[in-house]
Amino acid sequence: MSVLQRDPQDQVRVLDEDGTVVGEVPDIDDETLVEMYRYMRLARHFDTRAVSLQRQGRMGTYPPLSGQEGAQIGSAIALDEQDWMVPSYREHGASLLRGLPLKQTLLYWMGHEKGNEMPEGVNLFPPAVPIASQIPHATGAAWAKKLRGEDDTAVICYFGDGATSEGDFHEGLNFAGVFDTPNVFFCNNNQWAISVPRERQTAAETLAQKATAYGIDGVQVDGMDPLAVYSVTKAALDKAKNPGEGEGRPTLIEAVQYRFGAHTTADDPTVYRDDDEVEEWKAKDPIPRLESFLRETGRIDDEAVEAIEEDVKQRVADAIEAAESDPRPDPSEMFDYAYAERTPEIQAQYEEFEALREKFGDEGFLRE
């Protein structure tokens, strides 16, 4: 039975919290499994350094991803080269795996428009900060692929549990169901939409079961189990591109997980959640979970882990140096990229800003 042919309330798992196999291990070669672990470690270390940079005033507000590496890397590694990825604002690890350099991610959160530049051949949309706004975009992109006859291409779209309360979520999934688009909708249910808990988002028992209303498949997976995430994502992508008789292309995946840190560095999670809850979820950490499996099956050892750790640290250090070596953008650039041409309102704001700069100088906008 396909992992997608399960009740949405029957959570898919391959590894338990200790890394012991409790389900069917997906068909992945050893090299890819080790790369999965490497990218998860890389995403975690990058996240730690990025938070530190923000606290030091070297970067703007940043959304941490720690705890979600299993969902991000496990799903992104299932994509084929021609597939497209539509992220929200927290998919730093998945974007890295798809070809976006860490330097670009740093520049984006440093307020540099260069951070939105996608390298040639990287099938990745820019980050979407408004909640759920990227879902209709992803549906439209997948519909375009279908209309063009590009049957070997699927579009995966990431969003959080809070996005399921937005109209864009319902419109995007309904359209996908009606027009049978090659979409995989990947919901990172990390339990908290900023300070609003999952149970305040919906009275439904799962988010995955919402798929039923749109006539598409829904599956709930342990989002802190990277092998389970890979399995359901790969099956959903394959179905999106080559559905069986009577099958629809779109799938809604609910990856149940937890964000260990704050919603963003402007947030204080201690106000709305208990330390005991955080510690309970940290026991499910996807990184030691996968590491235990890889060690037990002889795919890595102490020497390999140490080499990966050193490589990860160097790559992140190099990315930080490269990003901070880039000239900082002129503040007036913030008026240039929202529209192709400045609206009268934007132009008025620009003129007011320039008048203040002339009067007080740039030093008047800086705080020690």
Protein backbone atom coordinates (compact mmCIF):
# COMPACT_ATOMS: atom_id res chain seq x y z
CA MET A 1 0.00 0.00 0.00
CA SER A 2 1.32 3.46 -0.91
CA VAL A 3 2.07 5.80 1.98
CA LEU A 4 -0.47 8.14 0.42
CA GLN A 5 -3.25 5.55 0.67
CA ARG A 6 -3.49 5.85 4.43
CA ASP A 7 -5.95 7.58 6.70
CA PRO A 8 -4.73 11.19 7.23
CA GLN A 9 -4.87 10.50 10.97
CA ASP A 10 -2.46 7.56 10.67
CA GLN A 11 0.94 9.30 10.93
CA VAL A 12 3.69 7.88 8.73
CA ARG A 13 6.95 7.00 10.52
CA VAL A 14 10.14 5.17 9.59
CA LEU A 15 12.40 5.97 12.58
CA ASP A 16 11.38 6.34 16.19
CA GLU A 17 12.91 8.97 18.49
CA ASP A 18 15.97 6.78 19.07
CA GLY A 19 16.62 6.17 15.39
CA THR A 20 15.27 2.62 15.49
CA VAL A 21 13.51 1.46 12.33
CA VAL A 22 9.75 1.15 12.88
CA GLY A 23 8.58 1.46 9.27
CA GLU A 24 9.68 0.78 5.72
CA VAL A 25 13.06 2.38 4.96
CA PRO A 26 12.87 4.19 1.60
CA ASP A 27 15.07 3.14 -1.29
CA ILE A 28 17.89 5.69 -0.95
CA ASP A 29 21.55 4.97 -1.68
CA ASP A 30 24.16 5.35 1.06
CA GLU A 31 25.68 8.50 -0.41
CA THR A 32 22.33 10.28 -0.47
CA LEU A 33 21.56 9.25 3.10
CA VAL A 34 24.86 10.71 4.30
CA GLU A 35 24.22 13.88 2.28
CA MET A 36 20.83 14.17 3.96
CA TYR A 37 22.57 14.09 7.33
CA ARG A 38 25.25 16.56 6.16
CA TYR A 39 22.66 19.08 4.98
CA MET A 40 20.68 18.75 8.20
CA ARG A 41 23.83 19.48 10.22
CA LEU A 42 24.65 22.37 7.89
CA ALA A 43 21.18 23.87 8.26
CA ARG A 44 21.35 23.60 12.07
CA HIS A 45 24.78 25.23 12.33
CA PHE A 46 23.81 27.97 9.88
CA ASP A 47 20.70 28.63 11.96
CA THR A 48 22.71 28.96 15.17
CA ARG A 49 25.16 31.38 13.57
CA ALA A 50 22.39 33.41 11.93
CA VAL A 51 20.63 33.95 15.26
CA SER A 52 23.97 35.02 16.75
CA LEU A 53 24.53 37.49 13.90
CA GLN A 54 21.14 39.06 14.53
CA ARG A 55 21.80 39.35 18.26
CA GLN A 56 25.09 41.11 17.46
CA GLY A 57 23.34 43.62 15.22
CA ARG A 58 25.02 42.25 12.09
CA MET A 59 21.75 41.12 10.50
CA GLY A 60 18.06 42.02 10.60
CA THR A 61 15.18 39.99 11.97
CA TYR A 62 15.64 36.30 11.20
CA PRO A 63 13.27 33.27 11.42
CA PRO A 64 15.02 30.27 13.05
CA LEU A 65 14.50 26.77 11.65
CA SER A 66 16.06 24.51 14.30
CA GLY A 67 13.90 21.42 14.80
CA GLN A 68 12.59 21.49 11.25
CA GLU A 69 15.70 20.18 9.45
CA GLY A 70 14.20 16.71 9.01
CA ALA A 71 11.14 18.07 7.23
CA GLN A 72 13.07 20.54 5.08
CA ILE A 73 15.94 18.32 3.93
CA GLY A 74 13.91 15.10 3.83
CA SER A 75 11.40 16.69 1.46
CA ALA A 76 13.76 18.78 -0.68
CA ILE A 77 16.07 15.86 -1.38
CA ALA A 78 13.12 14.01 -2.91
CA LEU A 79 12.76 16.63 -5.67
CA ASP A 80 14.01 16.02 -9.18
CA GLU A 81 16.21 18.66 -10.80
CA GLN A 82 13.40 20.00 -13.01
CA ASP A 83 10.90 20.36 -10.14
CA TRP A 84 10.13 23.77 -8.65
CA MET A 85 10.14 24.81 -5.01
CA VAL A 86 8.00 27.62 -3.58
CA PRO A 87 9.17 28.43 -0.02
CA SER A 88 7.74 30.50 2.78
CA TYR A 89 10.34 32.44 4.82
CA ARG A 90 11.85 29.63 6.93
CA GLU A 91 13.07 27.16 4.28
CA HIS A 92 16.76 28.10 4.50
CA GLY A 93 17.84 24.46 4.59
CA ALA A 94 15.60 23.31 1.75
CA SER A 95 16.61 26.31 -0.37
CA LEU A 96 20.29 25.57 0.23
CA LEU A 97 19.84 21.99 -0.93
CA ARG A 98 18.05 23.24 -4.06
CA GLY A 99 21.03 25.43 -4.97
CA LEU A 100 20.59 28.77 -3.21
CA PRO A 101 23.95 29.72 -1.65
CA LEU A 102 24.00 30.51 2.07
CA LYS A 103 25.39 33.92 1.18
CA GLN A 104 22.14 34.75 -0.63
CA THR A 105 20.04 33.79 2.39
CA LEU A 106 22.21 35.96 4.63
CA LEU A 107 21.98 38.92 2.24
CA TYR A 108 18.19 38.61 2.16
CA TRP A 109 17.89 38.87 5.94
CA MET A 110 20.47 41.66 5.96
CA GLY A 111 18.00 43.68 3.90
CA HIS A 112 19.87 43.37 0.63
CA GLU A 113 17.83 42.99 -2.55
CA LYS A 114 20.62 40.77 -3.92
CA GLY A 115 19.31 38.08 -1.61
CA ASN A 116 16.35 37.65 -3.96
CA GLU A 117 18.53 36.87 -6.98
CA MET A 118 18.26 33.22 -7.93
CA PRO A 119 21.31 31.61 -9.55
CA GLU A 120 20.87 30.42 -13.12
CA GLY A 121 19.16 27.06 -13.28
CA VAL A 122 17.89 27.08 -9.68
CA ASN A 123 14.14 26.34 -9.79
CA LEU A 124 13.26 28.26 -6.67
CA PHE A 125 10.83 31.09 -5.96
CA PRO A 126 11.99 33.90 -3.62
CA PRO A 127 10.92 33.76 0.05
CA ALA A 128 7.31 34.69 0.81
CA VAL A 129 6.88 36.51 4.11
CA PRO A 130 3.10 37.23 3.89
CA ILE A 131 1.33 34.20 5.30
CA ALA A 132 0.01 31.80 2.61
CA SER A 133 0.38 34.25 -0.28
CA GLN A 134 2.72 31.82 -2.06
CA ILE A 135 0.15 29.00 -2.21
CA PRO A 136 -1.89 30.39 -5.16
CA HIS A 137 1.42 31.22 -6.88
CA ALA A 138 2.49 27.59 -6.56
CA THR A 139 -0.86 26.37 -7.87
CA GLY A 140 -0.60 28.72 -10.85
CA ALA A 141 2.95 27.62 -11.60
CA ALA A 142 1.93 23.95 -11.52
CA TRP A 143 -1.09 24.64 -13.73
CA ALA A 144 1.22 26.35 -16.23
CA LYS A 145 3.47 23.29 -16.29
CA LYS A 146 0.46 21.08 -16.97
CA LEU A 147 -0.86 23.33 -19.75
CA ARG A 148 2.57 23.33 -21.39
CA GLY A 149 2.70 19.55 -21.30
CA GLU A 150 5.70 19.46 -18.96
CA ASP A 151 4.54 16.23 -17.38
CA ASP A 152 7.90 15.51 -15.76
CA THR A 153 7.69 18.57 -13.48
CA ALA A 154 5.99 19.07 -10.12
CA VAL A 155 5.79 22.09 -7.80
CA ILE A 156 6.24 21.80 -4.04
CA CYS A 157 4.98 24.62 -1.82
CA TYR A 158 5.92 25.08 1.85
CA PHE A 159 3.84 26.86 4.48
CA GLY A 160 3.11 26.68 8.20
CA ASP A 161 0.09 25.54 10.19
CA GLY A 162 -1.04 29.15 10.58
CA ALA A 163 -1.34 29.46 6.81
CA THR A 164 -4.21 26.94 6.82
CA SER A 165 -6.38 29.66 8.39
CA GLU A 166 -5.83 32.01 5.45
CA GLY A 167 -8.07 32.29 2.39
CA ASP A 168 -5.11 31.79 0.07
CA PHE A 169 -4.71 28.25 1.43
CA HIS A 170 -8.30 27.30 0.64
CA GLU A 171 -8.29 29.01 -2.76
CA GLY A 172 -4.99 27.44 -3.81
CA LEU A 173 -5.92 23.90 -2.79
CA ASN A 174 -9.44 24.16 -4.22
CA PHE A 175 -8.06 25.33 -7.57
CA ALA A 176 -5.47 22.56 -7.53
CA GLY A 177 -8.16 19.97 -6.90
CA VAL A 178 -10.47 21.26 -9.63
CA PHE A 179 -7.75 21.62 -12.28
CA ASP A 180 -5.76 18.58 -11.12
CA THR A 181 -2.43 20.41 -10.97
CA PRO A 182 0.93 18.70 -10.24
CA ASN A 183 1.27 20.21 -6.75
CA VAL A 184 2.63 19.00 -3.45
CA PHE A 185 1.44 21.26 -0.63
CA PHE A 186 3.82 20.80 2.30
CA CYS A 187 2.47 22.06 5.62
CA ASN A 188 5.12 22.47 8.30
CA ASN A 189 2.92 22.01 11.35
CA ASN A 190 5.40 23.28 13.95
CA GLN A 191 2.64 23.67 16.59
CA TRP A 192 2.76 27.46 16.87
CA ALA A 193 1.75 30.21 14.41
CA ILE A 194 3.83 32.79 16.26
CA SER A 195 1.96 32.62 19.60
CA VAL A 196 -1.25 30.90 18.44
CA PRO A 197 -1.23 27.13 19.12
CA ARG A 198 -2.26 24.51 16.58
CA GLU A 199 -5.54 23.78 18.40
CA ARG A 200 -6.63 27.40 17.91
CA GLN A 201 -6.20 27.13 14.13
CA THR A 202 -8.86 24.53 13.48
CA ALA A 203 -11.23 22.10 15.19
CA ALA A 204 -10.22 19.41 12.68
CA GLU A 205 -8.35 16.48 14.19
CA THR A 206 -5.54 16.86 11.65
CA LEU A 207 -4.55 19.43 9.07
CA ALA A 208 -3.98 16.67 6.52
CA GLN A 209 -7.66 15.75 6.51
CA LYS A 210 -8.49 19.20 5.11
CA ALA A 211 -7.42 17.76 1.76
CA THR A 212 -10.68 15.79 1.61
CA ALA A 213 -12.68 19.00 1.16
CA TYR A 214 -10.79 19.74 -2.05
CA GLY A 215 -10.89 16.23 -3.47
CA ILE A 216 -7.16 15.65 -3.12
CA ASP A 217 -5.01 13.26 -1.10
CA GLY A 218 -3.87 14.16 2.38
CA VAL A 219 -1.20 12.46 4.47
CA GLN A 220 0.23 13.17 7.92
CA VAL A 221 3.87 12.36 8.54
CA ASP A 222 6.25 12.60 11.48
CA GLY A 223 8.03 15.75 10.37
CA MET A 224 11.02 15.07 12.64
CA ASP A 225 11.68 11.76 10.88
CA PRO A 226 13.57 12.67 7.68
CA LEU A 227 13.20 9.21 6.15
CA ALA A 228 9.43 9.23 6.59
CA VAL A 229 9.27 12.75 5.15
CA TYR A 230 11.30 11.63 2.15
CA SER A 231 8.99 8.65 1.58
CA VAL A 232 5.74 10.62 1.55
CA THR A 233 7.20 13.51 -0.47
CA LYS A 234 8.70 11.21 -3.09
CA ALA A 235 5.40 9.35 -3.44
CA ALA A 236 3.50 12.63 -3.73
CA LEU A 237 5.90 14.00 -6.36
CA ASP A 238 5.71 10.79 -8.39
CA LYS A 239 1.91 10.90 -8.29
CA ALA A 240 1.87 14.58 -9.26
CA LYS A 241 3.84 13.76 -12.41
CA ASN A 242 2.43 10.35 -13.24
CA PRO A 243 -0.85 9.61 -11.45
CA GLY A 244 -2.32 6.14 -11.60
CA GLU A 245 -5.76 5.43 -12.98
CA GLY A 246 -8.34 7.29 -10.91
CA GLU A 247 -5.67 9.22 -8.97
CA GLY A 248 -5.48 12.98 -8.71
CA ARG A 249 -2.18 14.82 -8.99
CA PRO A 250 -2.20 17.14 -5.92
CA THR A 251 -1.32 16.07 -2.38
CA LEU A 252 -1.41 17.87 0.97
CA ILE A 253 1.33 16.72 3.36
CA GLU A 254 1.11 17.65 7.03
CA ALA A 255 4.56 17.28 8.60
CA VAL A 256 4.13 17.26 12.39
CA GLN A 257 7.18 18.87 13.99
CA TYR A 258 8.32 21.65 16.33
CA ARG A 259 10.38 24.81 16.10
CA PHE A 260 12.82 24.77 18.98
CA GLY A 261 13.48 28.50 18.89
CA ALA A 262 11.44 31.65 18.46
CA HIS A 263 9.12 32.38 15.55
CA THR A 264 11.59 35.10 14.62
CA THR A 265 14.32 36.86 16.53
CA ALA A 266 11.73 39.57 17.31
CA ASP A 267 9.65 37.01 19.24
CA ASP A 268 9.84 35.81 22.86
CA PRO A 269 8.39 32.27 22.95
CA THR A 270 8.72 31.99 26.74
CA VAL A 271 5.65 34.21 26.98
CA TYR A 272 3.32 31.65 25.43
CA ARG A 273 4.88 28.18 25.80
CA ASP A 274 6.42 26.14 28.61
CA ASP A 275 10.04 24.97 28.79
CA ASP A 276 8.80 21.44 29.51
CA GLU A 277 7.01 21.40 26.15
CA VAL A 278 10.17 22.46 24.33
CA GLU A 279 12.26 19.80 26.07
CA GLU A 280 9.70 17.12 25.27
CA TRP A 281 9.95 17.94 21.58
CA LYS A 282 13.75 18.23 21.66
CA ALA A 283 13.81 14.55 22.57
CA LYS A 284 12.50 13.97 19.02
CA ASP A 285 15.35 15.99 17.42
CA PRO A 286 15.71 14.82 13.80
CA ILE A 287 19.51 15.14 13.66
CA PRO A 288 20.58 12.64 16.38
CA ARG A 289 17.69 10.48 15.23
CA LEU A 290 19.13 10.12 11.72
CA GLU A 291 22.69 9.96 13.04
CA SER A 292 21.80 6.98 15.24
CA PHE A 293 20.31 5.17 12.25
CA LEU A 294 23.36 5.88 10.08
CA ARG A 295 25.75 4.73 12.81
CA GLU A 296 23.81 1.56 13.54
CA THR A 297 23.75 0.64 9.86
CA GLY A 298 27.47 1.34 9.40
CA ARG A 299 27.08 4.30 7.08
CA ILE A 300 28.98 6.77 9.28
CA ASP A 301 31.34 6.64 12.24
CA ASP A 302 33.07 9.10 14.59
CA GLU A 303 35.60 10.07 11.93
CA ALA A 304 32.88 10.79 9.34
CA VAL A 305 30.83 12.84 11.80
CA GLU A 306 33.89 14.89 12.76
CA ALA A 307 34.72 15.56 9.10
CA ILE A 308 31.14 16.65 8.41
CA GLU A 309 31.21 18.96 11.43
CA GLU A 310 34.40 20.65 10.28
CA ASP A 311 33.09 21.04 6.73
CA VAL A 312 29.82 22.52 8.00
CA LYS A 313 31.58 25.09 10.18
CA GLN A 314 33.86 26.16 7.33
CA ARG A 315 31.04 26.51 4.82
CA VAL A 316 29.01 28.70 7.15
CA ALA A 317 32.03 30.82 8.12
CA ASP A 318 32.85 31.36 4.44
CA ALA A 319 29.25 32.35 3.68
CA ILE A 320 29.18 34.89 6.50
CA GLU A 321 32.47 36.41 5.36
CA ALA A 322 31.23 36.63 1.78
CA ALA A 323 27.91 38.23 2.76
CA GLU A 324 29.51 40.78 5.06
CA SER A 325 32.07 41.66 2.38
CA ASP A 326 29.30 42.79 0.05
CA PRO A 327 28.72 46.56 0.10
CA ARG A 328 25.63 47.40 2.11
CA PRO A 329 22.69 48.64 0.02
CA ASP A 330 21.77 52.30 0.03
CA PRO A 331 18.70 52.83 2.28
CA SER A 332 16.84 54.53 -0.56
CA GLU A 333 16.69 51.17 -2.37
CA MET A 334 13.81 50.14 -0.13
CA PHE A 335 11.56 52.29 -2.32
CA ASP A 336 12.66 50.66 -5.58
CA TYR A 337 11.59 47.02 -5.53
CA ALA A 338 7.96 46.80 -4.42
CA TYR A 339 6.66 48.00 -7.79
CA ALA A 340 8.08 48.23 -11.31
CA GLU A 341 7.59 51.99 -11.03
CA ARG A 342 7.09 54.05 -7.88
CA THR A 343 3.48 54.87 -7.12
CA PRO A 344 2.68 58.47 -6.10
CA GLU A 345 2.50 57.35 -2.46
CA ILE A 346 5.88 55.60 -2.63
CA GLN A 347 7.41 58.59 -4.40
CA ALA A 348 6.13 60.90 -1.66
CA GLN A 349 7.63 58.65 1.01
CA TYR A 350 10.93 58.57 -0.87
CA GLU A 351 11.07 62.35 -1.09
CA GLU A 352 10.28 62.70 2.60
CA PHE A 353 12.98 60.18 3.48
CA GLU A 354 15.58 61.92 1.34
CA ALA A 355 14.72 65.26 2.94
CA LEU A 356 15.29 63.77 6.39
CA ARG A 357 18.62 62.26 5.27
CA GLU A 358 19.74 65.63 3.94
CA LYS A 359 18.72 67.36 7.17
CA PHE A 360 20.10 64.86 9.70
CA GLY A 361 22.56 62.76 7.71
CA ASP A 362 22.64 58.96 7.80
CA GLU A 363 24.00 59.14 11.36
CA GLY A 364 20.59 60.39 12.48
CA PHE A 365 19.09 57.00 11.63
CA LEU A 366 21.66 54.93 13.46
CA ARG A 367 21.41 53.75 17.05
CA GLU A 368 24.34 52.49 19.05
